Protein backbone atom coordinates (compact mmCIF):
# COMPACT_ATOMS: atom_id res chain seq x y z
CA MET A 1 -0.20 -0.15 0.00
CA LEU A 2 1.01 3.28 -0.42
CA ALA A 3 2.64 5.72 2.49
CA LEU A 4 3.37 8.60 1.58
CA LYS A 5 2.18 11.07 -1.08
CA ARG A 6 3.64 11.40 -4.09
CA ALA A 7 6.31 9.45 -3.31
CA SER A 8 8.87 8.34 -6.16
CA TYR A 9 8.37 4.76 -7.54
CA ARG A 10 8.46 2.97 -10.48
CA ALA A 11 5.49 0.79 -10.70
CA ALA A 12 4.71 -0.68 -14.30
CA ASP A 13 2.40 -2.69 -12.48
CA GLY A 14 0.70 -0.01 -10.43
CA GLU A 15 0.63 -0.47 -6.61
CA ASP A 16 -2.71 0.17 -4.32
CA ALA A 17 -3.78 2.44 -1.54
CA LEU A 18 -6.24 2.95 0.29
CA LEU A 19 -7.65 6.89 0.74
CA PRO A 20 -9.74 7.44 3.71
CA ILE A 21 -13.60 8.88 3.75
CA PRO A 22 -14.58 10.88 6.06
CA ALA A 23 -16.95 10.24 8.71
CA ASP A 24 -18.22 12.61 8.14
CA PHE A 25 -19.03 11.95 3.63
CA ARG A 26 -22.43 11.61 2.97
CA CYS A 27 -24.36 11.11 -0.80
CA GLU A 28 -26.43 13.64 -2.90
CA SER A 29 -29.21 10.78 -1.22
CA GLY A 30 -28.15 11.68 2.24
CA ASP A 31 -27.32 7.77 2.56
CA ALA A 32 -23.58 6.75 4.62
CA LEU A 33 -21.01 4.75 2.46
CA PRO A 34 -19.82 1.60 4.29
CA ASP A 35 -16.35 2.11 3.17
CA ALA A 36 -14.05 3.72 5.20
CA HIS A 37 -11.87 3.80 2.68
CA ILE A 38 -11.44 4.51 -0.83
CA ARG A 39 -9.78 2.08 -3.45
CA VAL A 40 -7.28 2.96 -6.06
CA ARG A 41 -4.06 1.86 -7.53
CA LEU A 42 -1.47 3.47 -8.97
CA TYR A 43 0.67 2.96 -12.69
CA GLY A 44 3.44 4.59 -13.72
CA GLU A 45 5.45 7.15 -12.17
CA VAL A 46 4.21 8.47 -9.42
CA ASP A 47 5.24 12.13 -10.99
CA ALA A 48 4.07 11.92 -14.47
CA PRO A 49 0.74 13.63 -15.67
CA LEU A 50 -1.93 11.58 -14.00
CA ILE A 51 -4.67 10.27 -16.29
CA VAL A 52 -7.56 9.12 -14.69
CA VAL A 53 -9.25 5.46 -15.74
CA ALA A 54 -12.18 4.26 -15.56
CA GLY A 55 -15.16 2.08 -16.47
CA GLY A 56 -18.56 0.42 -16.74
CA ILE A 57 -20.13 -0.65 -13.86
CA SER A 58 -18.31 -4.26 -13.54
CA ALA A 59 -14.90 -2.51 -13.57
CA GLY A 60 -12.46 -1.79 -11.56
CA ARG A 61 -8.71 -0.28 -9.94
CA HIS A 62 -6.46 -3.42 -11.67
CA LEU A 63 -6.79 -1.32 -15.46
CA HIS A 64 -4.50 -4.58 -17.45
CA GLU A 65 -7.91 -6.75 -16.28
CA TRP A 66 -9.99 -4.89 -18.23
CA TRP A 67 -8.30 -2.79 -20.52
CA PRO A 68 -5.15 -4.26 -21.32
CA ASP A 69 -5.13 -2.59 -24.67
CA GLN A 70 -5.40 0.64 -23.92
CA VAL A 71 -2.80 1.54 -20.47
CA GLY A 72 1.30 -0.09 -20.77
CA ALA A 73 3.89 1.16 -22.17
CA SER A 74 3.58 2.46 -25.98
CA ALA A 75 0.17 1.66 -25.02
CA ALA A 76 -2.90 4.29 -25.84
CA ILE A 77 -2.43 5.32 -22.81
CA ASP A 78 1.67 5.46 -22.64
CA LEU A 79 3.17 4.51 -18.95
CA GLY A 80 6.23 5.92 -20.93
CA ARG A 81 4.80 8.98 -20.39
CA TYR A 82 1.77 9.30 -18.19
CA ALA A 83 0.93 8.48 -14.66
CA ALA A 84 -1.84 6.22 -14.57
CA LEU A 85 -4.53 6.02 -11.88
CA GLY A 86 -7.54 2.93 -11.48
CA PHE A 87 -9.98 2.64 -8.65
CA ASP A 88 -13.02 1.06 -7.13
CA PHE A 89 -16.55 2.26 -7.77
CA ALA A 90 -18.19 2.65 -4.11
CA PRO A 91 -19.81 0.72 -2.25
CA LEU A 92 -16.71 -1.70 -1.94
CA ALA A 93 -19.27 -4.01 0.54
CA ASP A 94 -22.02 -5.38 -0.62
CA ALA A 95 -24.03 -2.64 0.55
CA HIS A 96 -27.72 -1.08 -1.51
CA VAL A 97 -26.48 1.98 -0.87
CA ARG A 98 -28.30 5.37 -2.69
CA LEU A 99 -25.68 7.43 -4.07
CA SER A 100 -24.35 8.76 -8.11
CA PRO A 101 -21.57 9.56 -10.39
CA LEU A 102 -21.32 12.78 -8.81
CA ASP A 103 -20.62 10.32 -5.72
CA GLN A 104 -18.14 8.68 -7.00
CA ALA A 105 -16.56 12.19 -8.38
CA ARG A 106 -16.55 13.68 -5.05
CA LEU A 107 -14.19 10.40 -3.75
CA ILE A 108 -11.79 10.60 -6.49
CA ALA A 109 -11.02 14.31 -5.56
CA LEU A 110 -10.91 13.56 -2.08
CA ALA A 111 -8.70 10.24 -3.08
CA LEU A 112 -6.54 12.68 -5.59
CA ASP A 113 -6.18 15.87 -2.20
CA ALA A 114 -5.13 12.18 0.00
CA LEU A 115 -2.20 11.83 -3.27
CA GLY A 116 -1.56 15.54 -3.42
CA VAL A 117 -2.68 16.37 -6.51
CA SER A 118 -4.16 18.66 -6.97
CA ARG A 119 -5.16 18.25 -11.29
CA ILE A 120 -5.30 15.97 -13.70
CA ALA A 121 -4.03 15.89 -17.29
CA ALA A 122 -7.03 13.67 -18.13
CA TRP A 123 -9.96 11.59 -16.90
CA VAL A 124 -10.01 8.69 -19.76
CA GLY A 125 -13.68 7.16 -19.33
CA ALA A 126 -16.22 3.83 -21.23
CA SER A 127 -19.46 3.92 -20.49
CA TYR A 128 -20.64 4.78 -16.09
CA GLY A 129 -16.62 4.99 -15.84
CA ALA A 130 -17.07 8.14 -18.71
CA MET A 131 -20.57 9.65 -16.48
CA VAL A 132 -17.87 9.71 -13.44
CA GLY A 133 -15.54 12.07 -15.14
CA LEU A 134 -18.07 14.43 -16.91
CA ALA A 135 -19.69 14.26 -13.34
CA PHE A 136 -16.32 15.09 -11.86
CA ALA A 137 -15.22 17.87 -14.51
CA ALA A 138 -19.07 19.14 -13.09
CA HIS A 139 -17.74 19.26 -10.14
CA ALA A 140 -14.33 20.49 -10.28
CA PRO A 141 -14.09 22.60 -13.35
CA GLU A 142 -10.17 23.39 -12.17
CA ARG A 143 -9.04 19.83 -11.91
CA VAL A 144 -9.44 18.43 -15.36
CA GLU A 145 -7.68 19.68 -18.57
CA LYS A 146 -8.97 16.74 -21.06
CA LEU A 147 -12.11 14.68 -21.05
CA CYS A 148 -11.91 11.51 -23.60
CA ILE A 149 -15.77 10.70 -22.89
CA ILE A 150 -16.28 7.00 -24.62
CA SER A 151 -20.09 5.61 -24.79
CA ALA A 152 -22.07 8.47 -22.68
CA ALA A 153 -23.33 11.35 -22.07
CA HIS A 154 -24.82 13.52 -20.18
CA LYS A 155 -28.60 12.07 -18.89
CA PRO A 156 -28.92 8.69 -19.42
CA ALA A 157 -31.96 7.28 -22.20
CA ALA A 158 -35.73 6.18 -21.22
CA LEU A 159 -34.79 3.37 -22.99
CA SER A 160 -31.74 2.53 -21.31
CA ARG A 161 -33.52 3.01 -17.86
CA ALA A 162 -36.23 1.36 -18.37
CA TRP A 163 -33.96 -2.20 -19.55
CA ARG A 164 -32.18 -0.77 -16.19
CA GLY A 165 -35.35 -0.93 -13.75
CA VAL A 166 -35.85 -4.90 -15.49
CA GLN A 167 -33.16 -6.23 -14.58
CA ARG A 168 -32.81 -4.74 -10.79
CA ARG A 169 -36.48 -5.85 -10.34
CA MET A 170 -35.40 -9.43 -11.00
CA LEU A 171 -32.87 -9.43 -8.24
CA GLU A 172 -34.95 -7.67 -6.01
CA PHE A 173 -37.98 -10.85 -6.38
CA ALA A 174 -34.53 -13.03 -6.70
CA ILE A 175 -33.05 -11.47 -3.01
CA ALA A 176 -37.22 -11.51 -1.21
CA HIS A 177 -36.89 -15.39 -2.99
CA GLY A 178 -34.24 -16.57 -0.69
CA ASP A 179 -31.63 -17.44 -4.63
CA ALA A 180 -29.51 -13.94 -5.33
CA GLU A 181 -27.50 -15.22 -7.68
CA GLN A 182 -30.11 -16.36 -9.43
CA GLY A 183 -31.50 -12.64 -10.21
CA LEU A 184 -27.94 -11.53 -10.52
CA SER A 185 -26.97 -13.97 -13.18
CA LEU A 186 -31.20 -13.27 -15.46
CA ALA A 187 -30.42 -9.72 -14.33
CA ARG A 188 -26.57 -9.98 -16.26
CA GLN A 189 -28.36 -11.97 -19.59
CA LEU A 190 -30.84 -9.43 -19.90
CA ALA A 191 -28.10 -6.40 -19.44
CA MET A 192 -25.32 -8.12 -22.42
CA ILE A 193 -28.24 -8.50 -24.55
CA THR A 194 -28.94 -4.54 -24.18
CA TYR A 195 -24.83 -4.18 -24.66
CA ARG A 196 -24.88 -5.92 -27.54
CA SER A 197 -26.33 -4.26 -31.33
CA ALA A 198 -29.64 -7.05 -33.43
CA ASP A 199 -26.59 -7.40 -35.93
CA GLU A 200 -24.14 -9.17 -34.03
CA PHE A 201 -27.29 -11.84 -32.10
CA GLU A 202 -27.74 -12.54 -35.94
CA GLN A 203 -24.59 -13.21 -37.17
CA ARG A 204 -23.15 -15.77 -34.09
CA PHE A 205 -26.46 -17.14 -33.14
CA PRO A 206 -28.51 -17.70 -36.13
CA GLY A 207 -29.33 -20.90 -35.23
CA ALA A 208 -32.88 -22.46 -33.36
CA ILE A 209 -33.78 -23.64 -30.05
CA GLU A 210 -33.17 -27.43 -29.56
CA SER A 211 -34.31 -30.48 -27.78
CA ASP A 212 -33.60 -29.08 -24.72
CA GLY A 213 -35.61 -25.46 -25.17
CA ARG A 214 -32.73 -23.51 -25.25
CA SER A 215 -30.62 -22.10 -28.68
CA ALA A 216 -26.74 -20.97 -28.78
CA LEU A 217 -27.96 -18.11 -27.84
CA ASP A 218 -30.09 -19.02 -24.36
CA ARG A 219 -27.02 -20.83 -23.34
CA TYR A 220 -24.39 -17.91 -23.52
CA LEU A 221 -26.10 -14.88 -21.76
CA VAL A 222 -26.50 -17.85 -19.32
CA ALA A 223 -22.54 -18.85 -19.20
CA ARG A 224 -22.45 -15.25 -18.89
CA GLY A 225 -25.25 -14.45 -16.13
CA ASP A 226 -23.91 -17.14 -14.44
CA ALA A 227 -19.84 -15.73 -14.64
CA TYR A 228 -20.74 -12.54 -13.09
CA VAL A 229 -22.77 -13.63 -10.42
CA GLN A 230 -18.99 -14.99 -9.32
CA SER A 231 -17.55 -11.40 -9.66
CA MET A 232 -20.08 -8.24 -8.60
CA ALA A 233 -21.62 -9.10 -4.56
CA PRO A 234 -25.46 -8.33 -5.55
CA GLN A 235 -26.95 -5.63 -3.61
CA ARG A 236 -23.53 -3.33 -4.69
CA TRP A 237 -25.00 -4.19 -8.75
CA LEU A 238 -28.03 -2.44 -7.08
CA SER A 239 -26.08 0.07 -5.96
CA LEU A 240 -24.69 0.78 -9.04
CA SER A 241 -26.85 -0.31 -11.74
CA GLU A 242 -29.23 2.78 -10.10
CA SER A 243 -26.57 5.11 -9.01
CA ILE A 244 -26.80 5.05 -13.56
CA ASP A 245 -30.09 6.52 -13.92
CA ARG A 246 -29.26 9.51 -11.37
CA HIS A 247 -26.58 10.49 -13.66
CA ALA A 248 -27.17 14.27 -14.20
CA VAL A 249 -24.08 16.59 -16.02
CA ASP A 250 -25.36 20.10 -16.86
CA PRO A 251 -23.06 21.00 -19.83
CA SER A 252 -22.01 24.14 -19.23
CA ARG A 253 -20.28 23.93 -16.50
CA VAL A 254 -17.50 21.50 -17.91
CA ARG A 255 -14.92 23.34 -18.69
CA ALA A 256 -12.02 20.92 -19.92
CA ALA A 257 -11.38 20.50 -23.96
CA VAL A 258 -14.07 17.27 -25.06
CA THR A 259 -13.45 14.36 -26.81
CA LEU A 260 -16.55 12.47 -27.60
CA ALA A 261 -16.47 8.86 -28.68
CA ALA A 262 -19.40 7.55 -29.88
CA CYS A 263 -20.93 3.49 -31.09
CA PRO A 264 -24.07 4.24 -33.69
CA THR A 265 -25.39 0.53 -33.20
CA ASP A 266 -25.23 1.64 -28.93
CA GLN A 267 -28.59 0.60 -27.01
CA ILE A 268 -27.12 1.97 -23.88
CA VAL A 269 -25.89 5.11 -24.81
CA PRO A 270 -28.16 6.53 -28.19
CA LEU A 271 -25.54 7.72 -30.98
CA ALA A 272 -28.11 11.45 -30.62
CA ASP A 273 -27.86 11.98 -26.97
CA ILE A 274 -24.59 12.18 -27.77
CA GLU A 275 -24.93 14.51 -30.67
CA SER A 276 -27.13 16.60 -28.59
CA LEU A 277 -24.04 16.92 -25.24
CA ALA A 278 -21.29 17.41 -27.84
CA ARG A 279 -24.13 20.79 -29.04
CA GLN A 280 -23.42 21.52 -25.36
CA LEU A 281 -20.30 21.55 -24.68
CA LEU A 282 -18.25 25.08 -24.29
CA ASN A 283 -14.86 23.00 -24.76
CA LEU A 284 -16.03 20.19 -27.95
CA SER A 285 -12.58 18.71 -29.32
CA ALA A 286 -13.55 16.31 -31.27
CA VAL A 287 -16.71 13.97 -31.79
CA HIS A 288 -15.90 10.22 -33.61
CA GLU A 289 -18.48 7.86 -33.97
CA VAL A 290 -16.72 3.51 -33.90
CA PRO A 291 -19.32 1.57 -35.98
CA SER A 292 -19.53 -1.84 -34.19
CA LEU A 293 -21.11 -4.90 -34.16
CA TYR A 294 -20.11 -4.78 -30.90
CA GLY A 295 -22.70 -1.69 -29.66
CA HIS A 296 -21.97 -0.27 -26.52
CA ASP A 297 -19.26 -3.08 -26.10
CA ALA A 298 -17.39 -1.37 -28.82
CA PHE A 299 -15.34 -0.04 -25.85
CA LEU A 300 -14.49 -3.02 -25.36
CA LYS A 301 -14.22 -4.88 -28.69
CA GLU A 302 -12.28 -1.83 -30.69
CA PRO A 303 -9.02 -2.05 -29.48
CA ALA A 304 -8.02 -0.79 -32.25
CA ARG A 305 -10.36 2.51 -33.48
CA ILE A 306 -10.15 2.88 -29.43
CA ALA A 307 -6.79 4.22 -28.93
CA ALA A 308 -6.55 5.93 -31.55
CA ILE A 309 -9.44 8.12 -30.43
CA ILE A 310 -7.84 8.38 -26.28
CA LYS A 311 -4.69 9.07 -28.28
CA SER A 312 -5.87 11.68 -30.47
CA CYS A 313 -7.50 13.06 -27.11
CA LEU A 314 -3.97 13.05 -24.94
CA GLU A 315 -1.73 14.53 -28.05
CA GLY A 316 -4.16 17.21 -29.49
CA ALA A 317 -3.39 21.07 -28.78
């Protein structure tokens, strides 16, 4: 664990730190967090320009696990030039807390204070992590120079809110009936359908159901749902899913130079919503479209295209 502010060291694989959360910290809702610490991981040379890197609600501080193509030596986020900070979203505990992306952003501001960092060079975020980045830039505009916002807008789309609401009610029903794991698996299965495009499913799973009443697509979704149970706690998932639907940022409060990336087949964050965000920003650098079969998951499945966008953001004037 890191013990000293801004101590000079080399950490290509990252080094963890537990940074204290003040006892009086409250979420926008008034809820207290069950967590005593913010859990972060710092990569690269600590005195290099710092980039905060954040992904979807299933991502965390281990950047090489969920975004290995984008963070490393000579990668888009080049650890020879930058330091990178990954973090685990609150709550760390398996607890149901009414929190928002702004609450996550406030926690990162506290973490940066503890690390002695007054201003970051950039925030590179995708999906939920991009929502938190927008919230951070609106909350503390003087603390971030650039934003790379991938597959996120300033507010959640109504259709994606509808899907997430059904997912949460599935899990809540399962919890009430003593089978939280099955409920979380089913919620994840439905989520996987929304993350990808119709064209991808048509191409990958053309077959009909078989004698057991399931198709190859069914088996794929069940496998993804069951695997998710091993990596996400049910009440924590409820907290983070609700948090997405509390996302609300006034684009006029964002002063950083913003690069946006959108996938036209994204069912979760429609291209029109990102175009709306672009029109309202005061300092828009670029809007990139990422054509892909993978929809919302394009930020994970199109590494070369995403790398080019991140580099254009970081290296642009």
